[in-house]
Amino acid sequence: MLRAATIVDADAVAILVLHELERRHLRRLRRLTKEQLSQLLFVGYHQENFRYGYRQARVYQNQGVAVGVAYGYPAAVEPTLDNQWAALFERLQVAPSQQLVVTPRALPDEWYLDLLTVRPRSANKTYQQWWFDEWLMADALRQARQSGARVVGMDVRPGSRNAQLAAEFGFLVSAYRQLDRQPYVHLRYRLN
């Protein structure tokens, strides 16, 4: 079942986001322990103006547990979501390795799909679990359309599952970027 995230989803969603951020190998977060980053994400999830807070999240729930999450928002909202990391570090008394300033990624006319991830599939998966990420992507496009956006943007690592998924949905390459010294492709999808 697809739905808006709630406070109750904090544990499951924080773990999903943690695993995705670990996969991205972000240099700015490398010096944090897994426990520190997990705690930051859990506390941040409860804040309204946080990039990975519950207000920006949609979850796919299976058997009562959030097994997938997508984070998206209009480009105009992104500056209010950024730079919340510093307040979290201070609140939890964790010293960041360097100044954490998150570079805005959305182009001005976009509804930006920041993160889409599904729990790694287990050995006893159901047949339907193959489509969890597709259902989340379709839901993200519907959310963007409902917000009045005309374009959806997202950044993906070349060859990743999200890059393949976006290609299946018809996203087109707009630009090549370096995010945190890593190659990314900025994709755009025109909504009808």
C-alpha atoms as a PDB file:
ATOM      1  CA  MET A   1       0.000   0.000   0.000  1.00  0.00           C
ATOM      2  CA  LEU A   2       1.319   3.452  -0.975  1.00  0.00           C
ATOM      3  CA  ARG A   3       0.749   6.261   1.497  1.00  0.00           C
ATOM      4  CA  ALA A   4       2.198   9.387   3.077  1.00  0.00           C
ATOM      5  CA  ALA A   5       4.797   8.656   5.726  1.00  0.00           C
ATOM      6  CA  THR A   6       3.887   9.148   9.364  1.00  0.00           C
ATOM      7  CA  ILE A   7       5.836   9.518  12.603  1.00  0.00           C
ATOM      8  CA  VAL A   8       5.232   5.817  13.277  1.00  0.00           C
ATOM      9  CA  ASP A   9       7.397   4.927  10.251  1.00  0.00           C
ATOM     10  CA  ALA A  10      10.492   6.556  11.767  1.00  0.00           C
ATOM     11  CA  ASP A  11      12.448   3.373  12.529  1.00  0.00           C
ATOM     12  CA  ALA A  12      11.803   1.621   9.214  1.00  0.00           C
ATOM     13  CA  VAL A  13      12.330   4.729   7.078  1.00  0.00           C
ATOM     14  CA  ALA A  14      15.479   5.842   8.926  1.00  0.00           C
ATOM     15  CA  ILE A  15      17.009   2.411   8.229  1.00  0.00           C
ATOM     16  CA  LEU A  16      16.051   2.596   4.525  1.00  0.00           C
ATOM     17  CA  VAL A  17      17.556   6.086   4.190  1.00  0.00           C
ATOM     18  CA  LEU A  18      20.667   5.037   6.135  1.00  0.00           C
ATOM     19  CA  HIS A  19      21.297   2.142   3.738  1.00  0.00           C
ATOM     20  CA  GLU A  20      20.784   4.398   0.721  1.00  0.00           C
ATOM     21  CA  LEU A  21      23.169   7.058   2.053  1.00  0.00           C
ATOM     22  CA  GLU A  22      25.743   4.337   2.755  1.00  0.00           C
ATOM     23  CA  ARG A  23      25.396   3.123  -0.841  1.00  0.00           C
ATOM     24  CA  ARG A  24      26.047   6.655  -2.074  1.00  0.00           C
ATOM     25  CA  HIS A  25      29.399   6.818  -0.199  1.00  0.00           C
ATOM     26  CA  LEU A  26      28.984  10.488   0.709  1.00  0.00           C
ATOM     27  CA  ARG A  27      32.338  11.903   1.751  1.00  0.00           C
ATOM     28  CA  ARG A  28      30.714  14.433   4.067  1.00  0.00           C
ATOM     29  CA  LEU A  29      29.161  11.687   6.155  1.00  0.00           C
ATOM     30  CA  ARG A  30      32.043   9.212   6.050  1.00  0.00           C
ATOM     31  CA  ARG A  31      33.559  10.174   9.390  1.00  0.00           C
ATOM     32  CA  LEU A  32      30.345   9.522  11.262  1.00  0.00           C
ATOM     33  CA  THR A  33      29.746   6.131  12.746  1.00  0.00           C
ATOM     34  CA  LYS A  34      26.753   4.195  11.527  1.00  0.00           C
ATOM     35  CA  GLU A  35      25.144   4.709  14.942  1.00  0.00           C
ATOM     36  CA  GLN A  36      25.646   8.487  14.797  1.00  0.00           C
ATOM     37  CA  LEU A  37      24.212   8.756  11.292  1.00  0.00           C
ATOM     38  CA  SER A  38      21.302   6.511  12.246  1.00  0.00           C
ATOM     39  CA  GLN A  39      20.534   8.706  15.251  1.00  0.00           C
ATOM     40  CA  LEU A  40      20.759  11.876  13.118  1.00  0.00           C
ATOM     41  CA  LEU A  41      18.344  10.432  10.560  1.00  0.00           C
ATOM     42  CA  PHE A  42      15.914   9.272  13.246  1.00  0.00           C
ATOM     43  CA  VAL A  43      15.836  12.665  14.964  1.00  0.00           C
ATOM     44  CA  GLY A  44      15.750  14.509  11.635  1.00  0.00           C
ATOM     45  CA  TYR A  45      12.851  12.373  10.420  1.00  0.00           C
ATOM     46  CA  HIS A  46      10.636  13.972  13.070  1.00  0.00           C
ATOM     47  CA  GLN A  47      11.458  17.516  11.918  1.00  0.00           C
ATOM     48  CA  GLU A  48       9.268  19.179   9.317  1.00  0.00           C
ATOM     49  CA  ASN A  49      12.030  21.113   7.553  1.00  0.00           C
ATOM     50  CA  PHE A  50      14.520  18.333   6.999  1.00  0.00           C
ATOM     51  CA  ARG A  51      15.381  16.807   3.639  1.00  0.00           C
ATOM     52  CA  TYR A  52      14.611  13.326   4.968  1.00  0.00           C
ATOM     53  CA  GLY A  53      11.793  14.294   7.315  1.00  0.00           C
ATOM     54  CA  TYR A  54       8.435  12.568   7.273  1.00  0.00           C
ATOM     55  CA  ARG A  55       6.636  15.460   5.515  1.00  0.00           C
ATOM     56  CA  GLN A  56       8.533  14.852   2.252  1.00  0.00           C
ATOM     57  CA  ALA A  57       8.235  11.054   2.333  1.00  0.00           C
ATOM     58  CA  ARG A  58       5.911   8.549   0.706  1.00  0.00           C
ATOM     59  CA  VAL A  59       6.210   4.929   1.800  1.00  0.00           C
ATOM     60  CA  TYR A  60       5.282   1.588   0.385  1.00  0.00           C
ATOM     61  CA  GLN A  61       3.935  -0.544   3.202  1.00  0.00           C
ATOM     62  CA  ASN A  62       3.929  -4.331   3.009  1.00  0.00           C
ATOM     63  CA  GLN A  63       2.529  -6.442   5.832  1.00  0.00           C
ATOM     64  CA  GLY A  64       2.402  -3.413   8.130  1.00  0.00           C
ATOM     65  CA  VAL A  65       6.022  -2.311   7.600  1.00  0.00           C
ATOM     66  CA  ALA A  66       7.449   0.446   5.394  1.00  0.00           C
ATOM     67  CA  VAL A  67       9.619  -1.472   2.918  1.00  0.00           C
ATOM     68  CA  GLY A  68      10.234   1.360   0.472  1.00  0.00           C
ATOM     69  CA  VAL A  69      10.420   5.141   0.603  1.00  0.00           C
ATOM     70  CA  ALA A  70      10.519   7.997  -1.886  1.00  0.00           C
ATOM     71  CA  TYR A  71      11.405  11.585  -1.015  1.00  0.00           C
ATOM     72  CA  GLY A  72      10.330  14.376  -3.321  1.00  0.00           C
ATOM     73  CA  TYR A  73       9.427  18.061  -3.218  1.00  0.00           C
ATOM     74  CA  PRO A  74       9.126  21.167  -5.410  1.00  0.00           C
ATOM     75  CA  ALA A  75      12.415  22.948  -6.136  1.00  0.00           C
ATOM     76  CA  ALA A  76      11.195  26.067  -4.324  1.00  0.00           C
ATOM     77  CA  VAL A  77      11.035  24.090  -1.058  1.00  0.00           C
ATOM     78  CA  GLU A  78      14.564  22.688  -1.271  1.00  0.00           C
ATOM     79  CA  PRO A  79      16.369  25.676   0.344  1.00  0.00           C
ATOM     80  CA  THR A  80      14.179  25.312   3.446  1.00  0.00           C
ATOM     81  CA  LEU A  81      15.159  21.639   3.698  1.00  0.00           C
ATOM     82  CA  ASP A  82      18.884  22.143   3.310  1.00  0.00           C
ATOM     83  CA  ASN A  83      21.449  22.949   5.930  1.00  0.00           C
ATOM     84  CA  GLN A  84      19.406  21.344   8.713  1.00  0.00           C
ATOM     85  CA  TRP A  85      22.281  18.939   9.323  1.00  0.00           C
ATOM     86  CA  ALA A  86      24.226  21.494  11.410  1.00  0.00           C
ATOM     87  CA  ALA A  87      21.360  21.908  13.888  1.00  0.00           C
ATOM     88  CA  LEU A  88      21.057  18.130  14.206  1.00  0.00           C
ATOM     89  CA  PHE A  89      24.787  17.739  14.819  1.00  0.00           C
ATOM     90  CA  GLU A  90      24.627  20.402  17.514  1.00  0.00           C
ATOM     91  CA  ARG A  91      21.506  18.933  19.136  1.00  0.00           C
ATOM     92  CA  LEU A  92      23.024  15.450  19.317  1.00  0.00           C
ATOM     93  CA  GLN A  93      26.462  16.794  20.270  1.00  0.00           C
ATOM     94  CA  VAL A  94      28.162  15.159  17.309  1.00  0.00           C
ATOM     95  CA  ALA A  95      31.102  16.993  15.754  1.00  0.00           C
ATOM     96  CA  PRO A  96      30.862  17.031  11.942  1.00  0.00           C
ATOM     97  CA  SER A  97      34.051  16.331  10.015  1.00  0.00           C
ATOM     98  CA  GLN A  98      33.566  19.542   8.023  1.00  0.00           C
ATOM     99  CA  GLN A  99      30.967  22.213   7.380  1.00  0.00           C
ATOM    100  CA  LEU A 100      27.918  20.403   6.042  1.00  0.00           C
ATOM    101  CA  VAL A 101      26.330  22.606   3.421  1.00  0.00           C
ATOM    102  CA  VAL A 102      24.084  20.645   1.121  1.00  0.00           C
ATOM    103  CA  THR A 103      24.202  21.923  -2.439  1.00  0.00           C
ATOM    104  CA  PRO A 104      20.746  22.411  -3.961  1.00  0.00           C
ATOM    105  CA  ARG A 105      20.214  19.842  -6.697  1.00  0.00           C
ATOM    106  CA  ALA A 106      16.784  20.670  -8.103  1.00  0.00           C
ATOM    107  CA  LEU A 107      16.499  22.982 -11.085  1.00  0.00           C
ATOM    108  CA  PRO A 108      14.068  25.892 -10.548  1.00  0.00           C
ATOM    109  CA  ASP A 109      11.217  24.423 -12.628  1.00  0.00           C
ATOM    110  CA  GLU A 110      11.373  20.889 -11.185  1.00  0.00           C
ATOM    111  CA  TRP A 111       9.644  18.739  -8.676  1.00  0.00           C
ATOM    112  CA  TYR A 112      12.726  16.902  -7.400  1.00  0.00           C
ATOM    113  CA  LEU A 113      12.813  13.191  -6.593  1.00  0.00           C
ATOM    114  CA  ASP A 114      15.611  13.183  -4.029  1.00  0.00           C
ATOM    115  CA  LEU A 115      15.647   9.558  -2.928  1.00  0.00           C
ATOM    116  CA  LEU A 116      13.862   6.360  -3.880  1.00  0.00           C
ATOM    117  CA  THR A 117      14.854   3.130  -2.207  1.00  0.00           C
ATOM    118  CA  VAL A 118      13.395  -0.254  -1.337  1.00  0.00           C
ATOM    119  CA  ARG A 119      14.557  -2.634   1.374  1.00  0.00           C
ATOM    120  CA  PRO A 120      16.986  -5.156  -0.120  1.00  0.00           C
ATOM    121  CA  ARG A 121      15.031  -8.147  -1.254  1.00  0.00           C
ATOM    122  CA  SER A 122      15.184 -11.110   1.040  1.00  0.00           C
ATOM    123  CA  ALA A 123      15.447 -14.766   0.103  1.00  0.00           C
ATOM    124  CA  ASN A 124      11.744 -15.357   0.725  1.00  0.00           C
ATOM    125  CA  LYS A 125      10.444 -12.426  -1.330  1.00  0.00           C
ATOM    126  CA  THR A 126       7.012 -12.397  -2.851  1.00  0.00           C
ATOM    127  CA  TYR A 127       6.502 -12.029  -6.576  1.00  0.00           C
ATOM    128  CA  GLN A 128       4.992  -8.562  -6.074  1.00  0.00           C
ATOM    129  CA  GLN A 129       8.124  -7.211  -4.399  1.00  0.00           C
ATOM    130  CA  TRP A 130       9.728  -6.929  -7.821  1.00  0.00           C
ATOM    131  CA  TRP A 131       7.519  -3.892  -8.399  1.00  0.00           C
ATOM    132  CA  PHE A 132       7.860  -1.978  -5.133  1.00  0.00           C
ATOM    133  CA  ASP A 133      10.295   0.519  -6.689  1.00  0.00           C
ATOM    134  CA  GLU A 134       8.128   0.871  -9.801  1.00  0.00           C
ATOM    135  CA  TRP A 135       5.078   1.603  -7.664  1.00  0.00           C
ATOM    136  CA  LEU A 136       7.034   4.215  -5.696  1.00  0.00           C
ATOM    137  CA  MET A 137       8.241   5.862  -8.920  1.00  0.00           C
ATOM    138  CA  ALA A 138       4.723   5.974 -10.373  1.00  0.00           C
ATOM    139  CA  ASP A 139       3.463   7.431  -7.093  1.00  0.00           C
ATOM    140  CA  ALA A 140       6.216  10.082  -7.118  1.00  0.00           C
ATOM    141  CA  LEU A 141       5.207  11.123 -10.638  1.00  0.00           C
ATOM    142  CA  ARG A 142       1.575  11.316  -9.527  1.00  0.00           C
ATOM    143  CA  GLN A 143       2.543  13.459  -6.519  1.00  0.00           C
ATOM    144  CA  ALA A 144       4.515  15.795  -8.788  1.00  0.00           C
ATOM    145  CA  ARG A 145       1.591  16.078 -11.198  1.00  0.00           C
ATOM    146  CA  GLN A 146      -0.805  16.854  -8.337  1.00  0.00           C
ATOM    147  CA  SER A 147       1.518  19.609  -7.098  1.00  0.00           C
ATOM    148  CA  GLY A 148       1.191  21.341 -10.474  1.00  0.00           C
ATOM    149  CA  ALA A 149       4.759  20.666 -11.563  1.00  0.00           C
ATOM    150  CA  ARG A 150       5.512  20.213 -15.245  1.00  0.00           C
ATOM    151  CA  VAL A 151       8.904  18.549 -14.873  1.00  0.00           C
ATOM    152  CA  VAL A 152      10.335  15.942 -12.487  1.00  0.00           C
ATOM    153  CA  GLY A 153      14.088  15.882 -11.957  1.00  0.00           C
ATOM    154  CA  MET A 154      16.370  13.415 -10.230  1.00  0.00           C
ATOM    155  CA  ASP A 155      20.069  12.641  -9.946  1.00  0.00           C
ATOM    156  CA  VAL A 156      21.263   9.069 -10.330  1.00  0.00           C
ATOM    157  CA  ARG A 157      24.560   7.279 -10.453  1.00  0.00           C
ATOM    158  CA  PRO A 158      25.200   5.863 -13.912  1.00  0.00           C
ATOM    159  CA  GLY A 159      24.251   2.187 -14.109  1.00  0.00           C
ATOM    160  CA  SER A 160      22.338   2.143 -10.816  1.00  0.00           C
ATOM    161  CA  ARG A 161      18.938   0.518 -10.365  1.00  0.00           C
ATOM    162  CA  ASN A 162      17.344   3.968 -10.129  1.00  0.00           C
ATOM    163  CA  ALA A 163      18.987   4.955 -13.438  1.00  0.00           C
ATOM    164  CA  GLN A 164      17.495   1.857 -15.078  1.00  0.00           C
ATOM    165  CA  LEU A 165      14.112   2.481 -13.483  1.00  0.00           C
ATOM    166  CA  ALA A 166      14.078   6.123 -14.602  1.00  0.00           C
ATOM    167  CA  ALA A 167      14.931   5.064 -18.167  1.00  0.00           C
ATOM    168  CA  GLU A 168      12.010   2.619 -18.124  1.00  0.00           C
ATOM    169  CA  PHE A 169       9.702   5.488 -17.135  1.00  0.00           C
ATOM    170  CA  GLY A 170      11.035   7.759 -19.884  1.00  0.00           C
ATOM    171  CA  PHE A 171      13.366  10.123 -18.016  1.00  0.00           C
ATOM    172  CA  LEU A 172      15.909  11.804 -20.282  1.00  0.00           C
ATOM    173  CA  VAL A 173      19.483  12.868 -19.520  1.00  0.00           C
ATOM    174  CA  SER A 174      19.679  16.601 -18.914  1.00  0.00           C
ATOM    175  CA  ALA A 175      23.211  17.064 -17.554  1.00  0.00           C
ATOM    176  CA  TYR A 176      26.216  15.312 -16.086  1.00  0.00           C
ATOM    177  CA  ARG A 177      27.148  16.399 -12.571  1.00  0.00           C
ATOM    178  CA  GLN A 178      29.691  15.846  -9.850  1.00  0.00           C
ATOM    179  CA  LEU A 179      27.982  15.471  -6.484  1.00  0.00           C
ATOM    180  CA  ASP A 180      30.319  14.980  -3.567  1.00  0.00           C
ATOM    181  CA  ARG A 181      33.103  14.258  -6.099  1.00  0.00           C
ATOM    182  CA  GLN A 182      31.153  11.415  -7.678  1.00  0.00           C
ATOM    183  CA  PRO A 183      29.667  11.249 -11.183  1.00  0.00           C
ATOM    184  CA  TYR A 184      25.892  11.610 -11.389  1.00  0.00           C
ATOM    185  CA  VAL A 185      23.462  12.081 -14.237  1.00  0.00           C
ATOM    186  CA  HIS A 186      20.658  14.613 -13.876  1.00  0.00           C
ATOM    187  CA  LEU A 187      17.489  13.225 -15.433  1.00  0.00           C
ATOM    188  CA  ARG A 188      14.259  15.013 -16.293  1.00  0.00           C
ATOM    189  CA  TYR A 189      10.766  13.780 -17.055  1.00  0.00           C
ATOM    190  CA  ARG A 190       8.110  15.996 -18.616  1.00  0.00           C
ATOM    191  CA  LEU A 191       4.657  15.557 -17.116  1.00  0.00           C
ATOM    192  CA  ASN A 192       1.661  15.853 -19.437  1.00  0.00           C
END
